[in-house]
Amino acid sequence: MASIPEYVNENEIAQARLIADLWAPSAPFEQKSGCETWTVAFAPDGSYFAWSQGHRVVKLVPWSQCQNKFCIDEYNNTGNKSHQKQNSDARKNAAAEHIIDCGDIVWSLAFGSSVPGKRSRCVNIEWHRFKFGRDQLLLATGLSNGRIKIWDVYTGKFLLNLMDHTEVVRDLTFAPDGSLILVSASRDKTLRVWDLKDDGNMVTILRGHNNWVYCCAFSPDSNILCSVGAGKAVFLWSMDKYTMIRKLEGHLNDVVSCEFSPDGALLATASHDTRVIVWDPHIGSILLELGHLFPFPTPIFAGGANDHWVNSVAFCHDGMHIASIADDKILRFWSIDADCPVEVAPLYNGISCGFSPDGHVLATGSRDGSVHFWATPKQVSSLQHLCRMALRRVMATSSVEKLAIPSQIVHYLTYRKSDQCELLNVKA
């Protein structure tokens, strides 16, 4: 058994660059409630980094302070600095570090912010306990006791307590459209949809999983939700009708992590079957399999304790790279165009990961409560790729396939493998 296929020369794979570390302080003896960093998260505007330190504690750190402390400004491009400048006025008096005691083990984190013009789905609302402002940033924390607590990031104050789950809240995700729709995934086999603009009232329950739900993720347009869980489950849901669209078949063991590409054309799922599968979520087909054990385990052994289970997957915001963490103590960076890693690094006890909004830094959380920051592989996006992402943000696969263009270009736009040289020679 090997971590790299035989046809790949391991010496040709680059070493990923470690930028910095954060270490959790030692907790008092009486607070022995788990030290794992089950989740790490960046605010969508790049203003804060949230870190579940274990022992019920979440630390909120202004990301600019981390950049200055760790000297990682070199990884920010001009556009990102301009973006930070645009948001500085709203945050200049609020960018403070906060340590939050959530009262129970924290399994999940998610940032959310409101867009004023985005109305609540409950249209007949005349009075609210909470009116979330334009510049307000929220943090949702999912706890071991089934509760979800909502906090004001800038002040660190507790705002809401959402109570309906009966088991661990394993994951949380806000809709990217600023509607403050929050979805929670739980070990009670359900997903629950909450409307924070309606004082956190629950909108509906999504049922379909027959076992634990490990993770959930919105598509960039907020129209589709992916949920994954035990028993090979990968489900896609319509967030307009709150109905299941399809179930994706391909994994051989529990699926524990999922994330859409920034254009919504791809979906990456990580499983204990030692693979990350990259799907076309619009038609349910498998585009790429990223193996962490070779040869692939057969179905009868796919659930075995082989120390290669994949724990987390993240899609970079450049749309070109995927990061994965597995029990084989290796962090891998992948390219969407290849089935072998482009960069690797040793990472012991890694269990969670997430990219910064600019895509230049990956944060990884570990079982010992630490966080490590890694530089994303540097690669300039081609004009072809940027055009593909722009098109796929507004066009589903079926629409692309109907375009009167050469088949090689259709293959490229739908992320199917094709000869790049042949593509460049196609005359439009």
Protein backbone atom coordinates (compact mmCIF):
# COMPACT_ATOMS: atom_id res chain seq x y z
CA MET A 1 0.00 0.00 0.00
CA ALA A 2 1.25 3.47 -0.87
CA SER A 3 0.13 7.10 -0.57
CA ILE A 4 1.27 7.99 -4.11
CA PRO A 5 0.57 5.99 -7.31
CA GLU A 6 3.49 4.07 -8.76
CA TYR A 7 3.65 6.15 -11.93
CA VAL A 8 4.34 9.35 -9.93
CA ASN A 9 7.84 10.29 -8.82
CA GLU A 10 7.48 11.49 -5.22
CA ASN A 11 10.65 13.57 -5.54
CA GLU A 12 8.95 15.72 -8.18
CA ILE A 13 6.12 16.74 -5.83
CA ALA A 14 6.85 20.10 -4.20
CA GLN A 15 6.92 20.62 -0.44
CA ALA A 16 4.08 22.81 0.85
CA ARG A 17 5.30 25.86 2.78
CA LEU A 18 4.34 26.26 6.44
CA ILE A 19 3.83 29.94 7.28
CA ALA A 20 2.92 29.98 10.97
CA ASP A 21 1.34 28.12 13.90
CA LEU A 22 -1.16 28.92 16.62
CA TRP A 23 -1.19 26.87 19.80
CA ALA A 24 -4.01 26.64 22.30
CA PRO A 25 -3.13 27.44 25.92
CA SER A 26 -3.19 24.62 28.42
CA ALA A 27 -6.65 24.28 29.91
CA PRO A 28 -7.27 23.86 33.65
CA PHE A 29 -7.65 20.27 34.79
CA GLU A 30 -11.36 20.69 35.47
CA GLN A 31 -12.03 21.70 31.85
CA LYS A 32 -11.02 18.43 30.27
CA SER A 33 -13.78 18.39 27.66
CA GLY A 34 -11.73 17.75 24.53
CA CYS A 35 -8.90 19.77 23.00
CA GLU A 36 -9.60 19.10 19.30
CA THR A 37 -9.78 21.92 16.78
CA TRP A 38 -12.81 20.47 15.03
CA THR A 39 -13.25 23.51 12.83
CA VAL A 40 -11.50 26.62 11.52
CA ALA A 41 -13.21 29.42 9.61
CA PHE A 42 -12.49 32.72 7.89
CA ALA A 43 -15.01 35.55 7.69
CA PRO A 44 -16.18 36.03 4.08
CA ASP A 45 -14.77 39.58 4.00
CA GLY A 46 -11.42 38.46 5.38
CA SER A 47 -11.79 40.45 8.59
CA TYR A 48 -11.66 37.63 11.16
CA PHE A 49 -10.35 34.14 11.71
CA ALA A 50 -12.26 31.83 14.08
CA TRP A 51 -10.53 28.98 15.81
CA SER A 52 -12.16 26.32 17.94
CA GLN A 53 -9.43 25.79 20.53
CA GLY A 54 -11.06 22.88 22.27
CA HIS A 55 -12.20 22.95 25.91
CA ARG A 56 -15.43 24.80 24.84
CA VAL A 57 -13.47 27.88 23.74
CA VAL A 58 -13.57 29.75 20.42
CA LYS A 59 -11.02 32.45 19.70
CA LEU A 60 -11.86 35.26 17.28
CA VAL A 61 -8.78 36.95 15.87
CA PRO A 62 -8.70 39.87 13.40
CA TRP A 63 -7.06 38.35 10.34
CA SER A 64 -5.03 41.50 9.71
CA GLN A 65 -3.33 40.95 13.07
CA CYS A 66 -2.43 37.42 12.05
CA GLN A 67 -1.01 38.70 8.78
CA ASN A 68 1.11 41.29 10.54
CA LYS A 69 2.26 38.91 13.25
CA PHE A 70 3.14 36.11 10.86
CA CYS A 71 4.47 38.40 8.09
CA ILE A 72 2.23 36.87 5.46
CA ASP A 73 1.17 40.07 3.69
CA GLU A 74 3.23 38.94 0.73
CA TYR A 75 0.50 36.48 -0.10
CA ASN A 76 -2.12 39.22 -0.50
CA ASN A 77 -2.55 40.65 -3.95
CA THR A 78 -3.41 44.25 -4.77
CA GLY A 79 -7.08 43.47 -5.22
CA ASN A 80 -7.34 41.97 -1.76
CA LYS A 81 -5.63 44.98 -0.14
CA SER A 82 -8.09 47.24 -1.92
CA HIS A 83 -10.92 45.09 -0.65
CA GLN A 84 -9.58 45.33 2.89
CA LYS A 85 -9.35 49.12 2.54
CA GLN A 86 -12.99 49.31 1.46
CA ASN A 87 -14.08 47.44 4.57
CA SER A 88 -11.71 49.14 7.01
CA ASP A 89 -14.06 51.97 7.91
CA ALA A 90 -16.76 49.56 9.02
CA ARG A 91 -14.35 47.52 11.12
CA LYS A 92 -11.77 50.00 12.40
CA ASN A 93 -13.48 50.43 15.76
CA ALA A 94 -14.55 46.80 16.04
CA ALA A 95 -11.47 44.75 15.11
CA ALA A 96 -10.75 43.29 18.51
CA GLU A 97 -9.73 39.84 19.63
CA HIS A 98 -12.36 37.88 21.57
CA ILE A 99 -12.28 34.62 23.51
CA ILE A 100 -15.72 33.00 23.78
CA ASP A 101 -16.68 30.26 26.21
CA CYS A 102 -19.52 28.41 24.50
CA GLY A 103 -20.35 26.23 27.50
CA ASP A 104 -19.88 22.92 25.66
CA ILE A 105 -17.59 21.25 23.13
CA VAL A 106 -17.61 23.24 19.87
CA TRP A 107 -17.93 21.05 16.78
CA SER A 108 -18.71 23.63 14.10
CA LEU A 109 -18.31 27.31 13.22
CA ALA A 110 -19.76 29.55 10.50
CA PHE A 111 -19.62 33.26 9.76
CA GLY A 112 -22.65 35.12 8.40
CA SER A 113 -23.45 38.70 7.43
CA SER A 114 -26.60 40.44 6.29
CA VAL A 115 -27.36 42.15 3.00
CA PRO A 116 -29.95 44.89 3.72
CA GLY A 117 -31.86 44.36 0.49
CA LYS A 118 -32.20 40.61 1.06
CA ARG A 119 -35.59 40.10 2.68
CA SER A 120 -36.50 37.32 5.04
CA ARG A 121 -38.43 34.42 3.56
CA CYS A 122 -41.06 35.08 6.21
CA VAL A 123 -42.65 38.04 4.46
CA ASN A 124 -45.38 38.79 7.02
CA ILE A 125 -43.09 39.88 9.82
CA GLU A 126 -44.01 43.08 11.63
CA TRP A 127 -41.71 42.95 14.63
CA HIS A 128 -38.24 41.54 15.33
CA ARG A 129 -36.29 41.05 18.50
CA PHE A 130 -33.10 41.39 16.46
CA LYS A 131 -32.41 43.68 13.53
CA PHE A 132 -29.08 42.71 12.08
CA GLY A 133 -27.31 45.74 10.69
CA ARG A 134 -25.45 46.09 7.42
CA ASP A 135 -22.00 46.01 8.98
CA GLN A 136 -22.76 43.34 11.56
CA LEU A 137 -20.85 40.08 11.38
CA LEU A 138 -22.21 36.99 13.12
CA LEU A 139 -20.61 33.76 14.27
CA ALA A 140 -22.64 30.58 14.70
CA THR A 141 -21.23 27.83 16.93
CA GLY A 142 -22.57 24.27 16.89
CA LEU A 143 -22.23 22.44 20.18
CA SER A 144 -22.06 18.90 21.50
CA ASN A 145 -25.38 19.29 23.35
CA GLY A 146 -27.29 20.03 20.12
CA ARG A 147 -27.52 23.79 20.62
CA ILE A 148 -26.46 26.50 18.20
CA LYS A 149 -25.27 29.77 19.71
CA ILE A 150 -25.07 33.00 17.70
CA TRP A 151 -22.51 35.69 18.61
CA ASP A 152 -21.72 39.23 17.51
CA VAL A 153 -18.17 39.01 16.16
CA TYR A 154 -17.23 42.65 16.75
CA THR A 155 -18.31 42.69 20.39
CA GLY A 156 -18.09 39.02 21.33
CA LYS A 157 -21.61 39.25 22.81
CA PHE A 158 -24.04 36.33 22.84
CA LEU A 159 -27.20 36.99 20.78
CA LEU A 160 -29.27 33.88 20.12
CA ASN A 161 -29.66 30.29 21.27
CA LEU A 162 -31.16 27.94 18.67
CA MET A 163 -32.49 24.76 20.27
CA ASP A 164 -34.02 21.89 18.34
CA HIS A 165 -31.32 19.34 17.52
CA THR A 166 -31.10 16.36 19.87
CA GLU A 167 -27.49 15.38 19.09
CA VAL A 168 -24.13 16.97 18.22
CA VAL A 169 -24.32 19.82 15.68
CA ARG A 170 -21.55 18.58 13.43
CA ASP A 171 -21.54 21.38 10.84
CA LEU A 172 -22.99 24.82 10.06
CA THR A 173 -23.15 26.90 6.90
CA PHE A 174 -24.67 30.30 6.06
CA ALA A 175 -26.16 31.00 2.64
CA PRO A 176 -23.63 33.14 0.72
CA ASP A 177 -26.34 35.54 -0.53
CA GLY A 178 -26.57 37.52 2.72
CA SER A 179 -30.04 36.25 3.57
CA LEU A 180 -28.81 34.95 6.96
CA ILE A 181 -30.29 31.54 6.20
CA LEU A 182 -28.35 29.07 8.34
CA VAL A 183 -28.27 25.30 7.81
CA SER A 184 -27.12 22.91 10.53
CA ALA A 185 -26.10 19.26 10.15
CA SER A 186 -26.40 16.94 13.13
CA ARG A 187 -25.84 13.46 14.41
CA ASP A 188 -29.61 13.31 14.93
CA LYS A 189 -29.78 12.45 11.17
CA THR A 190 -31.36 15.76 10.15
CA LEU A 191 -30.51 19.10 8.60
CA ARG A 192 -32.35 22.13 9.93
CA VAL A 193 -32.83 25.44 8.17
CA TRP A 194 -32.94 28.60 10.31
CA ASP A 195 -33.81 32.18 9.37
CA LEU A 196 -31.83 34.62 11.50
CA LYS A 197 -33.69 37.56 9.97
CA ASP A 198 -36.79 36.01 11.53
CA ASP A 199 -35.21 35.98 15.00
CA GLY A 200 -33.64 32.58 14.34
CA ASN A 201 -36.89 30.70 13.82
CA MET A 202 -36.57 27.31 12.17
CA VAL A 203 -37.87 27.24 8.59
CA THR A 204 -37.89 23.51 7.92
CA ILE A 205 -36.24 20.16 8.59
CA LEU A 206 -34.53 18.27 5.77
CA ARG A 207 -34.88 14.51 6.26
CA GLY A 208 -33.31 11.80 4.15
CA HIS A 209 -30.14 10.72 5.89
CA ASN A 210 -30.39 7.34 7.61
CA ASN A 211 -27.42 8.04 9.86
CA TRP A 212 -25.20 10.85 11.15
CA VAL A 213 -24.86 13.96 8.98
CA TYR A 214 -21.26 15.14 9.01
CA CYS A 215 -21.12 18.20 6.79
CA CYS A 216 -23.16 20.57 4.62
CA ALA A 217 -22.27 23.27 2.09
CA PHE A 218 -24.11 25.84 -0.02
CA SER A 219 -23.46 26.38 -3.70
CA PRO A 220 -22.17 29.92 -4.42
CA ASP A 221 -25.61 31.04 -5.69
CA SER A 222 -27.29 29.67 -2.52
CA ASN A 223 -29.71 27.59 -4.60
CA ILE A 224 -28.28 24.14 -3.84
CA LEU A 225 -27.21 22.54 -0.57
CA CYS A 226 -24.96 19.49 -0.38
CA SER A 227 -25.05 17.29 2.70
CA VAL A 228 -22.86 14.27 3.40
CA GLY A 229 -22.88 11.65 6.10
CA ALA A 230 -22.46 8.08 7.26
CA GLY A 231 -23.40 5.25 4.95
CA LYS A 232 -21.87 6.70 1.72
CA ALA A 233 -24.47 9.49 1.70
CA VAL A 234 -24.05 12.49 -0.63
CA PHE A 235 -27.33 14.41 -1.09
CA LEU A 236 -28.14 17.54 -3.09
CA TRP A 237 -31.10 19.67 -1.99
CA SER A 238 -33.07 22.47 -3.63
CA MET A 239 -33.06 25.42 -1.24
CA ASP A 240 -36.00 26.96 -3.07
CA LYS A 241 -38.39 24.06 -2.54
CA TYR A 242 -36.49 22.34 0.30
CA THR A 243 -36.62 19.04 -1.56
CA MET A 244 -33.94 16.53 -2.48
CA ILE A 245 -32.61 16.92 -6.03
CA ARG A 246 -30.51 13.76 -6.25
CA LYS A 247 -28.26 11.36 -4.40
CA LEU A 248 -24.71 10.99 -5.72
CA GLU A 249 -23.41 7.42 -5.91
CA GLY A 250 -19.70 6.65 -5.85
CA HIS A 251 -18.24 6.61 -2.33
CA LEU A 252 -17.71 3.31 -0.52
CA ASN A 253 -17.67 4.50 3.10
CA ASP A 254 -18.79 7.40 5.31
CA VAL A 255 -18.53 10.82 3.63
CA VAL A 256 -17.32 13.44 6.09
CA SER A 257 -16.64 16.70 4.22
CA CYS A 258 -17.87 18.60 1.16
CA GLU A 259 -17.41 21.94 -0.58
CA PHE A 260 -18.41 23.56 -3.88
CA SER A 261 -15.97 25.26 -6.22
CA PRO A 262 -16.28 29.07 -6.32
CA ASP A 263 -18.14 28.95 -9.64
CA GLY A 264 -20.50 26.19 -8.48
CA ALA A 265 -19.55 23.90 -11.35
CA LEU A 266 -17.72 21.37 -9.16
CA LEU A 267 -18.34 19.64 -5.85
CA ALA A 268 -15.60 17.97 -3.81
CA THR A 269 -16.45 15.31 -1.23
CA ALA A 270 -14.06 13.53 1.16
CA SER A 271 -14.65 10.04 2.52
CA HIS A 272 -13.25 7.37 4.78
CA ASP A 273 -12.93 5.25 1.63
CA THR A 274 -9.56 7.07 1.21
CA ARG A 275 -10.75 9.22 -1.71
CA VAL A 276 -11.84 12.73 -2.58
CA ILE A 277 -14.32 12.70 -5.44
CA VAL A 278 -14.84 15.75 -7.63
CA TRP A 279 -18.37 15.75 -9.09
CA ASP A 280 -20.39 17.70 -11.60
CA PRO A 281 -23.29 18.46 -9.22
CA HIS A 282 -25.59 19.50 -12.07
CA ILE A 283 -25.71 16.03 -13.62
CA GLY A 284 -24.25 13.89 -10.82
CA SER A 285 -21.26 12.53 -12.74
CA ILE A 286 -17.77 11.86 -11.35
CA LEU A 287 -15.10 14.03 -12.98
CA LEU A 288 -12.03 13.18 -10.91
CA GLU A 289 -10.98 10.82 -8.11
CA LEU A 290 -8.15 11.91 -5.81
CA GLY A 291 -6.72 8.84 -4.11
CA HIS A 292 -4.89 8.77 -0.77
CA LEU A 293 -4.12 5.03 -0.87
CA PHE A 294 -2.90 2.90 -3.79
CA PRO A 295 -4.17 0.63 -5.06
CA PHE A 296 -7.69 1.81 -4.18
CA PRO A 297 -9.28 -0.40 -1.49
CA THR A 298 -11.95 -2.72 -2.82
CA PRO A 299 -15.51 -2.11 -1.58
CA ILE A 300 -15.33 -4.92 0.97
CA PHE A 301 -12.23 -3.34 2.60
CA ALA A 302 -13.11 0.32 2.06
CA GLY A 303 -14.27 0.68 5.66
CA GLY A 304 -11.15 -0.83 7.15
CA ALA A 305 -8.87 0.99 9.60
CA ASN A 306 -6.15 1.65 7.05
CA ASP A 307 -4.90 5.02 8.42
CA HIS A 308 -5.76 6.76 5.15
CA TRP A 309 -9.25 8.05 5.90
CA VAL A 310 -9.76 11.55 4.51
CA ASN A 311 -10.99 13.90 7.25
CA SER A 312 -11.50 17.21 5.47
CA VAL A 313 -11.51 18.83 2.03
CA ALA A 314 -11.50 22.50 1.00
CA PHE A 315 -11.84 24.23 -2.37
CA CYS A 316 -9.54 27.18 -2.98
CA HIS A 317 -11.14 30.43 -4.13
CA ASP A 318 -8.98 30.48 -7.25
CA GLY A 319 -11.00 27.50 -8.48
CA MET A 320 -7.77 25.70 -9.34
CA HIS A 321 -6.69 23.98 -6.12
CA ILE A 322 -8.15 21.56 -3.58
CA ALA A 323 -6.69 20.77 -0.16
CA SER A 324 -7.23 17.51 1.71
CA ILE A 325 -6.24 16.15 5.11
CA ALA A 326 -6.01 12.43 5.80
CA ASP A 327 -5.09 10.13 8.67
CA ASP A 328 -1.85 9.21 6.90
CA LYS A 329 -0.36 12.41 8.39
CA ILE A 330 -0.05 14.21 5.05
CA LEU A 331 -1.52 17.50 3.86
CA ARG A 332 -2.08 17.50 0.11
CA PHE A 333 -2.69 20.29 -2.37
CA TRP A 334 -4.25 19.13 -5.64
CA SER A 335 -4.84 20.75 -9.01
CA ILE A 336 -8.26 20.31 -10.61
CA ASP A 337 -6.46 19.11 -13.75
CA ALA A 338 -4.50 16.21 -12.18
CA ASP A 339 -5.10 13.14 -10.03
CA CYS A 340 -1.84 13.42 -8.07
CA PRO A 341 -0.83 16.11 -5.55
CA VAL A 342 1.09 19.19 -6.65
CA GLU A 343 2.36 19.91 -3.11
CA VAL A 344 2.45 17.90 0.13
CA ALA A 345 3.56 18.42 3.73
CA PRO A 346 3.63 16.40 6.94
CA LEU A 347 0.66 17.17 9.18
CA TYR A 348 0.02 15.12 12.29
CA ASN A 349 -3.51 14.63 13.60
CA GLY A 350 -5.10 17.04 11.11
CA ILE A 351 -8.92 17.07 11.20
CA SER A 352 -10.12 20.34 9.62
CA CYS A 353 -9.08 22.87 6.99
CA GLY A 354 -10.24 26.02 5.23
CA PHE A 355 -8.87 28.60 2.77
CA SER A 356 -8.65 32.32 3.42
CA PRO A 357 -11.00 34.43 1.23
CA ASP A 358 -8.15 35.51 -1.05
CA GLY A 359 -7.13 31.88 -1.50
CA HIS A 360 -3.50 32.44 -0.58
CA VAL A 361 -3.50 30.73 2.83
CA LEU A 362 -4.85 27.41 4.10
CA ALA A 363 -5.60 26.97 7.81
CA THR A 364 -5.57 23.45 9.26
CA GLY A 365 -6.85 22.37 12.66
CA SER A 366 -5.48 19.41 14.63
CA ARG A 367 -6.54 17.06 17.40
CA ASP A 368 -4.13 18.73 19.81
CA GLY A 369 -5.88 22.11 19.48
CA SER A 370 -3.28 23.72 17.24
CA VAL A 371 -3.74 25.59 13.95
CA HIS A 372 -1.18 25.67 11.13
CA PHE A 373 -1.15 28.11 8.21
CA TRP A 374 0.16 27.03 4.82
CA ALA A 375 0.90 28.92 1.61
CA THR A 376 -1.30 27.84 -1.28
CA PRO A 377 0.64 26.74 -4.39
CA LYS A 378 1.35 29.81 -6.48
CA GLN A 379 -0.14 29.64 -9.94
CA VAL A 380 -1.39 32.42 -12.18
CA SER A 381 -4.88 31.68 -13.44
CA SER A 382 -5.08 31.52 -17.21
CA LEU A 383 -7.52 33.73 -19.09
CA GLN A 384 -9.23 30.54 -20.23
CA HIS A 385 -9.85 29.44 -16.66
CA LEU A 386 -11.10 32.88 -15.57
CA CYS A 387 -13.52 32.95 -18.50
CA ARG A 388 -14.66 29.42 -17.66
CA MET A 389 -15.39 30.38 -14.05
CA ALA A 390 -17.27 33.51 -15.12
CA LEU A 391 -19.43 31.48 -17.49
CA ARG A 392 -20.07 28.61 -15.09
CA ARG A 393 -21.26 30.96 -12.37
CA VAL A 394 -24.38 31.60 -14.47
CA MET A 395 -24.69 28.46 -16.62
CA ALA A 396 -25.43 24.88 -15.58
CA THR A 397 -23.83 21.94 -17.38
CA SER A 398 -26.94 21.25 -19.45
CA SER A 399 -26.94 24.83 -20.74
CA VAL A 400 -23.25 24.69 -21.66
CA GLU A 401 -23.78 21.46 -23.57
CA LYS A 402 -26.41 23.16 -25.74
CA LEU A 403 -24.02 25.89 -26.91
CA ALA A 404 -23.09 25.83 -30.60
CA ILE A 405 -19.36 25.54 -29.94
CA PRO A 406 -16.71 22.84 -30.63
CA SER A 407 -16.90 19.78 -28.40
CA GLN A 408 -13.37 20.38 -27.08
CA ILE A 409 -14.47 23.73 -25.67
CA VAL A 410 -17.59 22.14 -24.17
CA HIS A 411 -15.33 19.59 -22.46
CA TYR A 412 -13.15 22.36 -21.08
CA LEU A 413 -16.10 24.41 -19.84
CA THR A 414 -17.59 21.38 -18.11
CA TYR A 415 -14.23 20.40 -16.52
CA ARG A 416 -13.95 17.16 -18.43
CA LYS A 417 -10.47 15.96 -19.29
CA SER A 418 -9.37 17.14 -22.70
CA ASP A 419 -6.12 17.79 -24.54
CA GLN A 420 -5.15 21.36 -23.71
CA CYS A 421 -3.04 21.65 -26.85
CA GLU A 422 -5.98 20.51 -28.94
CA LEU A 423 -8.18 23.06 -27.18
CA LEU A 424 -5.78 25.89 -27.95
CA ASN A 425 -5.80 24.97 -31.61
CA VAL A 426 -9.57 25.01 -31.92
CA LYS A 427 -10.76 27.85 -34.10
CA ALA A 428 -13.90 29.42 -32.76
